[in-house]
C-alpha atoms as a PDB file:
ATOM      1  CA  UNK A   1      13.911  28.252  19.245  1.00  0.00           C
ATOM      2  CA  UNK A   2      12.016  25.833  17.027  1.00  0.00           C
ATOM      3  CA  UNK A   3      13.691  22.718  15.600  1.00  0.00           C
ATOM      4  CA  UNK A   4      11.290  22.559  12.696  1.00  0.00           C
ATOM      5  CA  UNK A   5       8.502  20.139  11.865  1.00  0.00           C
ATOM      6  CA  UNK A   6       8.318  16.792  13.646  1.00  0.00           C
ATOM      7  CA  UNK A   7       8.689  13.442  11.867  1.00  0.00           C
ATOM      8  CA  UNK A   8       4.920  12.995  11.520  1.00  0.00           C
ATOM      9  CA  UNK A   9       4.490  16.327   9.758  1.00  0.00           C
ATOM     10  CA  UNK A  10       7.477  15.607   7.500  1.00  0.00           C
ATOM     11  CA  UNK A  11       6.110  12.157   6.660  1.00  0.00           C
ATOM     12  CA  UNK A  12       2.654  13.492   5.787  1.00  0.00           C
ATOM     13  CA  UNK A  13       4.195  16.168   3.569  1.00  0.00           C
ATOM     14  CA  UNK A  14       6.445  13.627   1.823  1.00  0.00           C
ATOM     15  CA  UNK A  15       3.534  11.259   1.161  1.00  0.00           C
ATOM     16  CA  UNK A  16       1.540  14.098  -0.399  1.00  0.00           C
ATOM     17  CA  UNK A  17       4.527  15.127  -2.542  1.00  0.00           C
ATOM     18  CA  UNK A  18       5.128  11.532  -3.673  1.00  0.00           C
ATOM     19  CA  UNK A  19       1.450  11.053  -4.512  1.00  0.00           C
ATOM     20  CA  UNK A  20       1.303  14.316  -6.468  1.00  0.00           C
ATOM     21  CA  UNK A  21       4.448  13.344  -8.409  1.00  0.00           C
ATOM     22  CA  UNK A  22       2.668  10.118  -9.394  1.00  0.00           C
ATOM     23  CA  UNK A  23      -0.454  12.017 -10.466  1.00  0.00           C
ATOM     24  CA  UNK A  24      -2.428  10.728  -7.487  1.00  0.00           C
ATOM     25  CA  UNK A  25      -4.652  12.687  -5.110  1.00  0.00           C
ATOM     26  CA  UNK A  26      -4.719  11.396  -1.542  1.00  0.00           C
ATOM     27  CA  UNK A  27      -6.433  12.374   1.667  1.00  0.00           C
ATOM     28  CA  UNK A  28      -4.825  11.563   5.003  1.00  0.00           C
ATOM     29  CA  UNK A  29      -7.848  10.960   7.189  1.00  0.00           C
ATOM     30  CA  UNK A  30      -6.073   9.649  10.294  1.00  0.00           C
ATOM     31  CA  UNK A  31      -2.554  10.065  11.571  1.00  0.00           C
ATOM     32  CA  UNK A  32      -0.897   9.157  14.845  1.00  0.00           C
ATOM     33  CA  UNK A  33       2.600   8.525  16.134  1.00  0.00           C
ATOM     34  CA  UNK A  34       4.054   6.706  19.120  1.00  0.00           C
ATOM     35  CA  UNK A  35       7.623   7.266  20.310  1.00  0.00           C
ATOM     36  CA  UNK A  36       9.905   4.294  19.682  1.00  0.00           C
ATOM     37  CA  UNK A  37      13.442   3.475  20.804  1.00  0.00           C
ATOM     38  CA  UNK A  38      15.929   0.644  20.613  1.00  0.00           C
ATOM     39  CA  UNK A  39      19.325   0.339  22.270  1.00  0.00           C
ATOM     40  CA  UNK A  40      20.872   2.447  19.498  1.00  0.00           C
ATOM     41  CA  UNK A  41      18.080   4.446  17.815  1.00  0.00           C
ATOM     42  CA  UNK A  42      15.235   6.808  18.659  1.00  0.00           C
ATOM     43  CA  UNK A  43      12.250   7.351  16.451  1.00  0.00           C
ATOM     44  CA  UNK A  44       8.524   6.862  16.122  1.00  0.00           C
ATOM     45  CA  UNK A  45       5.937   4.402  14.828  1.00  0.00           C
ATOM     46  CA  UNK A  46       3.435   6.200  12.629  1.00  0.00           C
ATOM     47  CA  UNK A  47      -0.010   4.994  11.579  1.00  0.00           C
ATOM     48  CA  UNK A  48      -1.819   6.790   8.809  1.00  0.00           C
ATOM     49  CA  UNK A  49      -5.001   6.081   6.905  1.00  0.00           C
ATOM     50  CA  UNK A  50      -4.950   7.208   3.292  1.00  0.00           C
ATOM     51  CA  UNK A  51      -7.864   7.461   0.909  1.00  0.00           C
ATOM     52  CA  UNK A  52      -7.609   7.757  -2.854  1.00  0.00           C
ATOM     53  CA  UNK A  53      -9.353   6.506  -5.964  1.00  0.00           C
ATOM     54  CA  UNK A  54      -8.589   4.658  -9.130  1.00  0.00           C
ATOM     55  CA  UNK A  55      -5.903   2.481 -10.608  1.00  0.00           C
ATOM     56  CA  UNK A  56      -3.197   5.147 -10.205  1.00  0.00           C
ATOM     57  CA  UNK A  57      -3.837   5.226  -6.445  1.00  0.00           C
ATOM     58  CA  UNK A  58      -3.672   1.418  -6.271  1.00  0.00           C
ATOM     59  CA  UNK A  59      -0.355   1.360  -8.186  1.00  0.00           C
ATOM     60  CA  UNK A  60       1.091   4.120  -6.035  1.00  0.00           C
ATOM     61  CA  UNK A  61       0.063   2.380  -2.804  1.00  0.00           C
ATOM     62  CA  UNK A  62       1.518  -0.931  -4.033  1.00  0.00           C
ATOM     63  CA  UNK A  63       4.876   0.787  -4.556  1.00  0.00           C
ATOM     64  CA  UNK A  64       4.991   2.591  -1.206  1.00  0.00           C
ATOM     65  CA  UNK A  65       6.951  -0.098   0.702  1.00  0.00           C
ATOM     66  CA  UNK A  66       9.833   0.345  -1.769  1.00  0.00           C
ATOM     67  CA  UNK A  67       9.506   4.110  -2.245  1.00  0.00           C
ATOM     68  CA  UNK A  68      12.257   6.557  -1.347  1.00  0.00           C
ATOM     69  CA  UNK A  69      10.700   8.956   1.162  1.00  0.00           C
ATOM     70  CA  UNK A  70      13.445  11.311   2.363  1.00  0.00           C
ATOM     71  CA  UNK A  71      12.665  13.150   5.597  1.00  0.00           C
ATOM     72  CA  UNK A  72      14.931  15.878   6.937  1.00  0.00           C
ATOM     73  CA  UNK A  73      16.643  14.540  10.072  1.00  0.00           C
ATOM     74  CA  UNK A  74      14.901  11.152   9.904  1.00  0.00           C
ATOM     75  CA  UNK A  75      15.079   7.896   7.977  1.00  0.00           C
ATOM     76  CA  UNK A  76      12.165   5.697   6.967  1.00  0.00           C
ATOM     77  CA  UNK A  77      13.309   2.341   8.348  1.00  0.00           C
ATOM     78  CA  UNK A  78      10.179   0.322   7.523  1.00  0.00           C
ATOM     79  CA  UNK A  79       6.868   0.882   5.773  1.00  0.00           C
ATOM     80  CA  UNK A  80       3.926  -1.510   5.460  1.00  0.00           C
ATOM     81  CA  UNK A  81       0.571  -1.030   3.725  1.00  0.00           C
ATOM     82  CA  UNK A  82      -2.649  -2.866   4.604  1.00  0.00           C
ATOM     83  CA  UNK A  83      -6.262  -2.483   3.533  1.00  0.00           C
ATOM     84  CA  UNK A  84      -8.149  -1.107   6.481  1.00  0.00           C
ATOM     85  CA  UNK A  85     -11.017  -2.979   8.077  1.00  0.00           C
ATOM     86  CA  UNK A  86     -13.682  -0.611   6.750  1.00  0.00           C
ATOM     87  CA  UNK A  87     -12.446  -0.969   3.164  1.00  0.00           C
ATOM     88  CA  UNK A  88     -12.434   2.780   2.573  1.00  0.00           C
ATOM     89  CA  UNK A  89      -8.687   3.213   2.277  1.00  0.00           C
ATOM     90  CA  UNK A  90      -5.323   1.856   3.303  1.00  0.00           C
ATOM     91  CA  UNK A  91      -3.506   1.875   6.600  1.00  0.00           C
ATOM     92  CA  UNK A  92       0.155   2.729   6.352  1.00  0.00           C
ATOM     93  CA  UNK A  93       2.500   1.857   9.208  1.00  0.00           C
ATOM     94  CA  UNK A  94       5.883   3.554   9.148  1.00  0.00           C
ATOM     95  CA  UNK A  95       8.895   3.328  11.445  1.00  0.00           C
ATOM     96  CA  UNK A  96      11.087   6.416  11.360  1.00  0.00           C
ATOM     97  CA  UNK A  97      14.423   6.797  13.146  1.00  0.00           C
ATOM     98  CA  UNK A  98      16.284   9.975  13.921  1.00  0.00           C
ATOM     99  CA  UNK A  99      19.491  10.589  12.005  1.00  0.00           C
ATOM    100  CA  UNK A 100      22.522  11.322  14.110  1.00  0.00           C
END
């Protein structure tokens, strides 16, 4: 029996939905996740590279750290955006935790 999509898949879908709602087209060119746990929570650290163009993309990216990104069964606990070293997009680092 399947439990549904994992947190990475949910996060990618939510980012695409949020971008589309803002009138922005994005491409997710890299995505990875590493399991993460603390004494009280389980989750994952996600790293994604997003590419987009124009002022709308820049505004949308600037607002990502404060954006509401609901994920079924998970919470976005932290999100940081950085220009990537190659200058062709942004790297987004996200910590998700499982809801109990």
